[in-house]
PDB file of N, CA and C in Angstrom:
ATOM      1  N   MET A   1       9.685 -13.512  11.743  1.00  0.00           N
ATOM      2  CA  MET A   1       9.182 -12.308  11.088  1.00  0.00           C
ATOM      3  C   MET A   1       9.037 -11.210  12.135  1.00  0.00           C
ATOM      4  N   ASN A   2       9.528 -10.043  11.785  1.00  0.00           N
ATOM      5  CA  ASN A   2       9.418  -8.890  12.672  1.00  0.00           C
ATOM      6  C   ASN A   2       8.002  -8.343  12.674  1.00  0.00           C
ATOM      7  N   ASP A   3       7.663  -7.681  13.752  1.00  0.00           N
ATOM      8  CA  ASP A   3       6.405  -6.966  13.840  1.00  0.00           C
ATOM      9  C   ASP A   3       6.514  -5.717  12.971  1.00  0.00           C
ATOM     10  N   PHE A   4       5.417  -5.329  12.335  1.00  0.00           N
ATOM     11  CA  PHE A   4       5.425  -4.154  11.454  1.00  0.00           C
ATOM     12  C   PHE A   4       5.894  -2.915  12.194  1.00  0.00           C
ATOM     13  N   TRP A   5       5.439  -2.749  13.428  1.00  0.00           N
ATOM     14  CA  TRP A   5       5.738  -1.531  14.172  1.00  0.00           C
ATOM     15  C   TRP A   5       7.178  -1.486  14.657  1.00  0.00           C
ATOM     16  N   GLU A   6       7.878  -2.622  14.648  1.00  0.00           N
ATOM     17  CA  GLU A   6       9.305  -2.618  14.969  1.00  0.00           C
ATOM     18  C   GLU A   6      10.130  -2.098  13.795  1.00  0.00           C
ATOM     19  N   VAL A   7       9.598  -2.231  12.591  1.00  0.00           N
ATOM     20  CA  VAL A   7      10.327  -1.847  11.389  1.00  0.00           C
ATOM     21  C   VAL A   7       9.911  -0.469  10.892  1.00  0.00           C
ATOM     22  N   HIS A   8       8.611  -0.153  10.949  1.00  0.00           N
ATOM     23  CA  HIS A   8       8.080   1.097  10.410  1.00  0.00           C
ATOM     24  C   HIS A   8       7.337   1.858  11.497  1.00  0.00           C
ATOM     25  N   GLY A   9       7.127   3.129  11.262  1.00  0.00           N
ATOM     26  CA  GLY A   9       6.403   3.965  12.210  1.00  0.00           C
ATOM     27  C   GLY A   9       5.072   4.443  11.646  1.00  0.00           C
ATOM     28  N   PHE A  10       4.386   5.244  12.428  1.00  0.00           N
ATOM     29  CA  PHE A  10       3.068   5.754  12.046  1.00  0.00           C
ATOM     30  C   PHE A  10       3.166   6.706  10.860  1.00  0.00           C
ATOM     31  N   LEU A  11       4.242   7.469  10.780  1.00  0.00           N
ATOM     32  CA  LEU A  11       4.427   8.387   9.655  1.00  0.00           C
ATOM     33  C   LEU A  11       4.521   7.626   8.337  1.00  0.00           C
ATOM     34  N   PHE A  12       5.165   6.471   8.362  1.00  0.00           N
ATOM     35  CA  PHE A  12       5.251   5.617   7.176  1.00  0.00           C
ATOM     36  C   PHE A  12       3.861   5.164   6.745  1.00  0.00           C
ATOM     37  N   VAL A  13       3.020   4.800   7.691  1.00  0.00           N
ATOM     38  CA  VAL A  13       1.655   4.360   7.379  1.00  0.00           C
ATOM     39  C   VAL A  13       0.861   5.510   6.768  1.00  0.00           C
ATOM     40  N   LEU A  14       0.990   6.702   7.326  1.00  0.00           N
ATOM     41  CA  LEU A  14       0.297   7.860   6.753  1.00  0.00           C
ATOM     42  C   LEU A  14       0.773   8.130   5.330  1.00  0.00           C
ATOM     43  N   GLY A  15       2.065   7.989   5.102  1.00  0.00           N
ATOM     44  CA  GLY A  15       2.590   8.155   3.751  1.00  0.00           C
ATOM     45  C   GLY A  15       2.001   7.145   2.786  1.00  0.00           C
ATOM     46  N   LEU A  16       1.887   5.898   3.214  1.00  0.00           N
ATOM     47  CA  LEU A  16       1.295   4.870   2.357  1.00  0.00           C
ATOM     48  C   LEU A  16      -0.173   5.150   2.073  1.00  0.00           C
ATOM     49  N   MET A  17      -0.864   5.756   3.038  1.00  0.00           N
ATOM     50  CA  MET A  17      -2.284   6.021   2.860  1.00  0.00           C
ATOM     51  C   MET A  17      -2.534   7.156   1.878  1.00  0.00           C
ATOM     52  N   PHE A  18      -1.752   8.222   1.983  1.00  0.00           N
ATOM     53  CA  PHE A  18      -2.062   9.423   1.207  1.00  0.00           C
ATOM     54  C   PHE A  18      -1.119   9.679   0.031  1.00  0.00           C
ATOM     55  N   LEU A  19       0.079   9.141   0.066  1.00  0.00           N
ATOM     56  CA  LEU A  19       1.050   9.307  -1.021  1.00  0.00           C
ATOM     57  C   LEU A  19       1.692   7.955  -1.331  1.00  0.00           C
ATOM     58  N   PRO A  20       0.907   7.002  -1.822  1.00  0.00           N
ATOM     59  CA  PRO A  20       1.433   5.638  -1.937  1.00  0.00           C
ATOM     60  C   PRO A  20       2.627   5.499  -2.879  1.00  0.00           C
ATOM     61  N   ARG A  21       2.590   6.149  -4.026  1.00  0.00           N
ATOM     62  CA  ARG A  21       3.693   5.989  -4.976  1.00  0.00           C
ATOM     63  C   ARG A  21       4.994   6.570  -4.442  1.00  0.00           C
ATOM     64  N   ILE A  22       4.921   7.744  -3.890  1.00  0.00           N
ATOM     65  CA  ILE A  22       6.133   8.390  -3.361  1.00  0.00           C
ATOM     66  C   ILE A  22       6.703   7.581  -2.205  1.00  0.00           C
ATOM     67  N   THR A  23       5.846   7.113  -1.319  1.00  0.00           N
ATOM     68  CA  THR A  23       6.311   6.353  -0.164  1.00  0.00           C
ATOM     69  C   THR A  23       6.933   5.029  -0.582  1.00  0.00           C
ATOM     70  N   VAL A  24       6.310   4.330  -1.511  1.00  0.00           N
ATOM     71  CA  VAL A  24       6.851   3.036  -1.932  1.00  0.00           C
ATOM     72  C   VAL A  24       8.190   3.211  -2.637  1.00  0.00           C
ATOM     73  N   ILE A  25       8.304   4.204  -3.498  1.00  0.00           N
ATOM     74  CA  ILE A  25       9.535   4.345  -4.270  1.00  0.00           C
ATOM     75  C   ILE A  25      10.698   4.844  -3.419  1.00  0.00           C
ATOM     76  N   PHE A  26      10.452   5.733  -2.458  1.00  0.00           N
ATOM     77  CA  PHE A  26      11.554   6.302  -1.695  1.00  0.00           C
ATOM     78  C   PHE A  26      11.800   5.631  -0.346  1.00  0.00           C
ATOM     79  N   PHE A  27      10.791   5.011   0.242  1.00  0.00           N
ATOM     80  CA  PHE A  27      10.945   4.485   1.595  1.00  0.00           C
ATOM     81  C   PHE A  27      10.748   2.982   1.708  1.00  0.00           C
ATOM     82  N   SER A  28      10.672   2.303   0.594  1.00  0.00           N
ATOM     83  CA  SER A  28      10.499   0.853   0.624  1.00  0.00           C
ATOM     84  C   SER A  28      11.761   0.192   0.119  1.00  0.00           C
ATOM     85  N   VAL A  29      12.106  -0.910   0.712  1.00  0.00           N
ATOM     86  CA  VAL A  29      13.296  -1.640   0.292  1.00  0.00           C
ATOM     87  C   VAL A  29      12.944  -2.575  -0.856  1.00  0.00           C
ATOM     88  N   VAL A  30      11.670  -2.887  -0.984  1.00  0.00           N
ATOM     89  CA  VAL A  30      11.256  -3.876  -1.965  1.00  0.00           C
ATOM     90  C   VAL A  30      11.081  -3.215  -3.326  1.00  0.00           C
ATOM     91  N   THR A  31      11.841  -3.659  -4.279  1.00  0.00           N
ATOM     92  CA  THR A  31      11.609  -3.330  -5.684  1.00  0.00           C
ATOM     93  C   THR A  31      11.795  -4.630  -6.435  1.00  0.00           C
ATOM     94  N   GLY A  32      11.134  -4.747  -7.524  1.00  0.00           N
ATOM     95  CA  GLY A  32      11.185  -6.045  -8.183  1.00  0.00           C
ATOM     96  C   GLY A  32      11.202  -5.941  -9.680  1.00  0.00           C
ATOM     97  N   GLY A  33      10.724  -6.986 -10.280  1.00  0.00           N
ATOM     98  CA  GLY A  33      10.731  -7.103 -11.723  1.00  0.00           C
ATOM     99  C   GLY A  33       9.592  -6.349 -12.378  1.00  0.00           C
ATOM    100  N   PRO A  34       9.227  -6.767 -13.569  1.00  0.00           N
ATOM    101  CA  PRO A  34       8.224  -6.035 -14.352  1.00  0.00           C
ATOM    102  C   PRO A  34       6.841  -6.009 -13.707  1.00  0.00           C
ATOM    103  N   PHE A  35       6.454  -7.072 -12.993  1.00  0.00           N
ATOM    104  CA  PHE A  35       5.135  -7.060 -12.357  1.00  0.00           C
ATOM    105  C   PHE A  35       5.067  -6.039 -11.226  1.00  0.00           C
ATOM    106  N   PHE A  36       6.168  -5.887 -10.479  1.00  0.00           N
ATOM    107  CA  PHE A  36       6.198  -4.865  -9.432  1.00  0.00           C
ATOM    108  C   PHE A  36       6.016  -3.481 -10.040  1.00  0.00           C
ATOM    109  N   TRP A  37       6.762  -3.181 -11.100  1.00  0.00           N
ATOM    110  CA  TRP A  37       6.697  -1.845 -11.704  1.00  0.00           C
ATOM    111  C   TRP A  37       5.364  -1.604 -12.388  1.00  0.00           C
ATOM    112  N   LEU A  38       4.787  -2.627 -12.993  1.00  0.00           N
ATOM    113  CA  LEU A  38       3.465  -2.484 -13.593  1.00  0.00           C
ATOM    114  C   LEU A  38       2.423  -2.169 -12.518  1.00  0.00           C
ATOM    115  N   GLY A  39       2.496  -2.909 -11.419  1.00  0.00           N
ATOM    116  CA  GLY A  39       1.584  -2.626 -10.309  1.00  0.00           C
ATOM    117  C   GLY A  39       1.841  -1.273  -9.682  1.00  0.00           C
ATOM    118  N   PHE A  40       3.109  -0.898  -9.570  1.00  0.00           N
ATOM    119  CA  PHE A  40       3.464   0.393  -8.989  1.00  0.00           C
ATOM    120  C   PHE A  40       2.902   1.535  -9.823  1.00  0.00           C
ATOM    121  N   ILE A  41       2.951   1.406 -11.133  1.00  0.00           N
ATOM    122  CA  ILE A  41       2.465   2.474 -12.014  1.00  0.00           C
ATOM    123  C   ILE A  41       0.940   2.488 -12.077  1.00  0.00           C
ATOM    124  N   LEU A  42       0.321   1.319 -12.193  1.00  0.00           N
ATOM    125  CA  LEU A  42      -1.120   1.267 -12.406  1.00  0.00           C
ATOM    126  C   LEU A  42      -1.944   1.154 -11.123  1.00  0.00           C
ATOM    127  N   PHE A  43      -1.471   0.360 -10.162  1.00  0.00           N
ATOM    128  CA  PHE A  43      -2.255   0.090  -8.949  1.00  0.00           C
ATOM    129  C   PHE A  43      -1.364   0.167  -7.717  1.00  0.00           C
ATOM    130  N   PRO A  44      -0.948   1.350  -7.291  1.00  0.00           N
ATOM    131  CA  PRO A  44      -0.011   1.424  -6.164  1.00  0.00           C
ATOM    132  C   PRO A  44      -0.586   0.899  -4.854  1.00  0.00           C
ATOM    133  N   ARG A  45      -1.869   1.047  -4.654  1.00  0.00           N
ATOM    134  CA  ARG A  45      -2.455   0.559  -3.399  1.00  0.00           C
ATOM    135  C   ARG A  45      -2.497  -0.967  -3.354  1.00  0.00           C
ATOM    136  N   VAL A  46      -2.601  -1.593  -4.504  1.00  0.00           N
ATOM    137  CA  VAL A  46      -2.572  -3.059  -4.547  1.00  0.00           C
ATOM    138  C   VAL A  46      -1.167  -3.546  -4.201  1.00  0.00           C
ATOM    139  N   VAL A  47      -0.152  -2.844  -4.663  1.00  0.00           N
ATOM    140  CA  VAL A  47       1.220  -3.190  -4.296  1.00  0.00           C
ATOM    141  C   VAL A  47       1.396  -3.073  -2.783  1.00  0.00           C
ATOM    142  N   ILE A  48       0.792  -2.073  -2.190  1.00  0.00           N
ATOM    143  CA  ILE A  48       0.901  -1.877  -0.743  1.00  0.00           C
ATOM    144  C   ILE A  48       0.271  -3.043   0.011  1.00  0.00           C
ATOM    145  N   ILE A  49      -0.887  -3.519  -0.426  1.00  0.00           N
ATOM    146  CA  ILE A  49      -1.514  -4.629   0.286  1.00  0.00           C
ATOM    147  C   ILE A  49      -0.710  -5.909   0.107  1.00  0.00           C
ATOM    148  N   ILE A  50      -0.085  -6.077  -1.040  1.00  0.00           N
ATOM    149  CA  ILE A  50       0.775  -7.246  -1.232  1.00  0.00           C
ATOM    150  C   ILE A  50       1.977  -7.165  -0.293  1.00  0.00           C
ATOM    151  N   LEU A  51       2.561  -5.982  -0.162  1.00  0.00           N
ATOM    152  CA  LEU A  51       3.689  -5.815   0.749  1.00  0.00           C
ATOM    153  C   LEU A  51       3.258  -5.969   2.203  1.00  0.00           C
ATOM    154  N   ALA A  52       2.034  -5.537   2.534  1.00  0.00           N
ATOM    155  CA  ALA A  52       1.542  -5.670   3.910  1.00  0.00           C
ATOM    156  C   ALA A  52       1.232  -7.119   4.259  1.00  0.00           C
ATOM    157  N   GLY A  53       0.959  -7.942   3.261  1.00  0.00           N
ATOM    158  CA  GLY A  53       0.611  -9.339   3.512  1.00  0.00           C
ATOM    159  C   GLY A  53       1.684 -10.129   4.234  1.00  0.00           C
ATOM    160  N   GLN A  54       2.928  -9.695   4.143  1.00  0.00           N
ATOM    161  CA  GLN A  54       3.998 -10.420   4.838  1.00  0.00           C
ATOM    162  C   GLN A  54       3.903 -10.298   6.354  1.00  0.00           C
ATOM    163  N   TYR A  55       3.100  -9.365   6.846  1.00  0.00           N
ATOM    164  CA  TYR A  55       2.930  -9.185   8.299  1.00  0.00           C
ATOM    165  C   TYR A  55       1.673  -9.874   8.822  1.00  0.00           C
ATOM    166  N   TRP A  56       1.057 -10.760   8.032  1.00  0.00           N
ATOM    167  CA  TRP A  56      -0.176 -11.418   8.446  1.00  0.00           C
ATOM    168  C   TRP A  56      -0.003 -12.199   9.742  1.00  0.00           C
ATOM    169  N   ASP A  57       1.120 -12.850   9.927  1.00  0.00           N
ATOM    170  CA  ASP A  57       1.331 -13.674  11.123  1.00  0.00           C
ATOM    171  C   ASP A  57       1.424 -12.841  12.393  1.00  0.00           C
ATOM    172  N   THR A  58       1.988 -11.647  12.304  1.00  0.00           N
ATOM    173  CA  THR A  58       2.179 -10.832  13.506  1.00  0.00           C
ATOM    174  C   THR A  58       1.096  -9.771  13.688  1.00  0.00           C
ATOM    175  N   ASN A  59       0.507  -9.274  12.606  1.00  0.00           N
ATOM    176  CA  ASN A  59      -0.500  -8.201  12.692  1.00  0.00           C
ATOM    177  C   ASN A  59      -1.652  -8.439  11.717  1.00  0.00           C
ATOM    178  N   PRO A  60      -2.498  -9.422  11.939  1.00  0.00           N
ATOM    179  CA  PRO A  60      -3.594  -9.648  10.980  1.00  0.00           C
ATOM    180  C   PRO A  60      -4.588  -8.489  10.925  1.00  0.00           C
ATOM    181  N   VAL A  61      -4.780  -7.796  12.036  1.00  0.00           N
ATOM    182  CA  VAL A  61      -5.695  -6.647  12.045  1.00  0.00           C
ATOM    183  C   VAL A  61      -5.148  -5.532  11.164  1.00  0.00           C
ATOM    184  N   PHE A  62      -3.854  -5.298  11.234  1.00  0.00           N
ATOM    185  CA  PHE A  62      -3.210  -4.291  10.394  1.00  0.00           C
ATOM    186  C   PHE A  62      -3.385  -4.631   8.916  1.00  0.00           C
ATOM    187  N   VAL A  63      -3.174  -5.883   8.555  1.00  0.00           N
ATOM    188  CA  VAL A  63      -3.295  -6.304   7.157  1.00  0.00           C
ATOM    189  C   VAL A  63      -4.742  -6.170   6.685  1.00  0.00           C
ATOM    190  N   PHE A  64      -5.699  -6.497   7.553  1.00  0.00           N
ATOM    191  CA  PHE A  64      -7.109  -6.347   7.202  1.00  0.00           C
ATOM    192  C   PHE A  64      -7.445  -4.887   6.920  1.00  0.00           C
ATOM    193  N   PHE A  65      -7.019  -3.987   7.802  1.00  0.00           N
ATOM    194  CA  PHE A  65      -7.315  -2.569   7.594  1.00  0.00           C
ATOM    195  C   PHE A  65      -6.546  -1.986   6.414  1.00  0.00           C
ATOM    196  N   ALA A  66      -5.364  -2.504   6.136  1.00  0.00           N
ATOM    197  CA  ALA A  66      -4.625  -2.076   4.947  1.00  0.00           C
ATOM    198  C   ALA A  66      -5.385  -2.480   3.687  1.00  0.00           C
ATOM    199  N   ALA A  67      -5.921  -3.697   3.679  1.00  0.00           N
ATOM    200  CA  ALA A  67      -6.699  -4.153   2.526  1.00  0.00           C
ATOM    201  C   ALA A  67      -7.973  -3.325   2.373  1.00  0.00           C
ATOM    202  N   LEU A  68      -8.624  -3.042   3.480  1.00  0.00           N
ATOM    203  CA  LEU A  68      -9.836  -2.217   3.443  1.00  0.00           C
ATOM    204  C   LEU A  68      -9.519  -0.821   2.922  1.00  0.00           C
ATOM    205  N   TRP A  69      -8.435  -0.226   3.408  1.00  0.00           N
ATOM    206  CA  TRP A  69      -8.044   1.110   2.950  1.00  0.00           C
ATOM    207  C   TRP A  69      -7.716   1.102   1.458  1.00  0.00           C
ATOM    208  N   CYS A  70      -7.033   0.066   1.006  1.00  0.00           N
ATOM    209  CA  CYS A  70      -6.688  -0.028  -0.416  1.00  0.00           C
ATOM    210  C   CYS A  70      -7.938  -0.133  -1.277  1.00  0.00           C
ATOM    211  N   TYR A  71      -8.883  -0.934  -0.840  1.00  0.00           N
ATOM    212  CA  TYR A  71     -10.121  -1.086  -1.598  1.00  0.00           C
ATOM    213  C   TYR A  71     -10.884   0.232  -1.650  1.00  0.00           C
ATOM    214  N   VAL A  72     -11.026   0.888  -0.510  1.00  0.00           N
ATOM    215  CA  VAL A  72     -11.759   2.155  -0.459  1.00  0.00           C
ATOM    216  C   VAL A  72     -11.020   3.218  -1.266  1.00  0.00           C
ATOM    217  N   GLY A  73      -9.698   3.280  -1.144  1.00  0.00           N
ATOM    218  CA  GLY A  73      -8.915   4.278  -1.873  1.00  0.00           C
ATOM    219  C   GLY A  73      -9.004   4.095  -3.370  1.00  0.00           C
ATOM    220  N   GLU A  74      -8.878   2.867  -3.834  1.00  0.00           N
ATOM    221  CA  GLU A  74      -8.982   2.599  -5.278  1.00  0.00           C
ATOM    222  C   GLU A  74     -10.382   2.931  -5.786  1.00  0.00           C
ATOM    223  N   SER A  75     -11.406   2.520  -5.054  1.00  0.00           N
ATOM    224  CA  SER A  75     -12.780   2.772  -5.477  1.00  0.00           C
ATOM    225  C   SER A  75     -13.076   4.259  -5.512  1.00  0.00           C
ATOM    226  N   LEU A  76     -12.644   4.972  -4.491  1.00  0.00           N
ATOM    227  CA  LEU A  76     -12.878   6.408  -4.424  1.00  0.00           C
ATOM    228  C   LEU A  76     -12.132   7.133  -5.539  1.00  0.00           C
ATOM    229  N   GLU A  77     -10.901   6.735  -5.782  1.00  0.00           N
ATOM    230  CA  GLU A  77     -10.116   7.360  -6.845  1.00  0.00           C
ATOM    231  C   GLU A  77     -10.781   7.150  -8.205  1.00  0.00           C
ATOM    232  N   LYS A  78     -11.244   5.944  -8.464  1.00  0.00           N
ATOM    233  CA  LYS A  78     -11.891   5.644  -9.748  1.00  0.00           C
ATOM    234  C   LYS A  78     -13.204   6.399  -9.892  1.00  0.00           C
ATOM    235  N   SER A  79     -13.974   6.513  -8.822  1.00  0.00           N
ATOM    236  CA  SER A  79     -15.253   7.225  -8.923  1.00  0.00           C
ATOM    237  C   SER A  79     -15.049   8.719  -9.127  1.00  0.00           C
ATOM    238  N   ILE A  80     -14.023   9.289  -8.526  1.00  0.00           N
ATOM    239  CA  ILE A  80     -13.742  10.712  -8.738  1.00  0.00           C
ATOM    240  C   ILE A  80     -13.308  10.963 -10.177  1.00  0.00           C
ATOM    241  N   LEU A  81     -12.468  10.089 -10.695  1.00  0.00           N
ATOM    242  CA  LEU A  81     -12.040  10.233 -12.087  1.00  0.00           C
ATOM    243  C   LEU A  81     -13.204  10.051 -13.067  1.00  0.00           C
ATOM    244  N   ALA A  82     -14.126   9.166 -12.749  1.00  0.00           N
ATOM    245  CA  ALA A  82     -15.278   8.938 -13.620  1.00  0.00           C
ATOM    246  C   ALA A  82     -16.210  10.151 -13.635  1.00  0.00           C
ATOM    247  N   GLU A  83     -16.343  10.822 -12.489  1.00  0.00           N
ATOM    248  CA  GLU A  83     -17.192  12.012 -12.421  1.00  0.00           C
ATOM    249  C   GLU A  83     -16.595  13.183 -13.197  1.00  0.00           C
ATOM    250  N   GLU A  84     -15.283  13.291 -13.186  1.00  0.00           N
ATOM    251  CA  GLU A  84     -14.633  14.403 -13.866  1.00  0.00           C
ATOM    252  C   GLU A  84     -14.660  14.272 -15.379  1.00  0.00           C
ATOM    253  N   SER A  85     -14.747  13.046 -15.866  1.00  0.00           N
ATOM    254  CA  SER A  85     -14.717  12.883 -17.329  1.00  0.00           C
ATOM    255  C   SER A  85     -16.090  12.825 -17.941  1.00  0.00           C
TER     256      SER A  85
END
């Protein structure tokens, strides 16, 4: 398994953090069946953590922070939407 940083750069990580849907659809090689598209439409940050999980052997710290970012991003997004409605 390759190291994450050998395959992707810091700009890719920033894209995943702030524009997850656009980054996954245009800059990711992984596309899949109906579960991928359902997750992509409804929970893009969860798809990102699933994709990051393949680097657990080489970068466990990266995967941990990706999971933390996904949790915080989803929670923050939901709380902002709840306040607006």
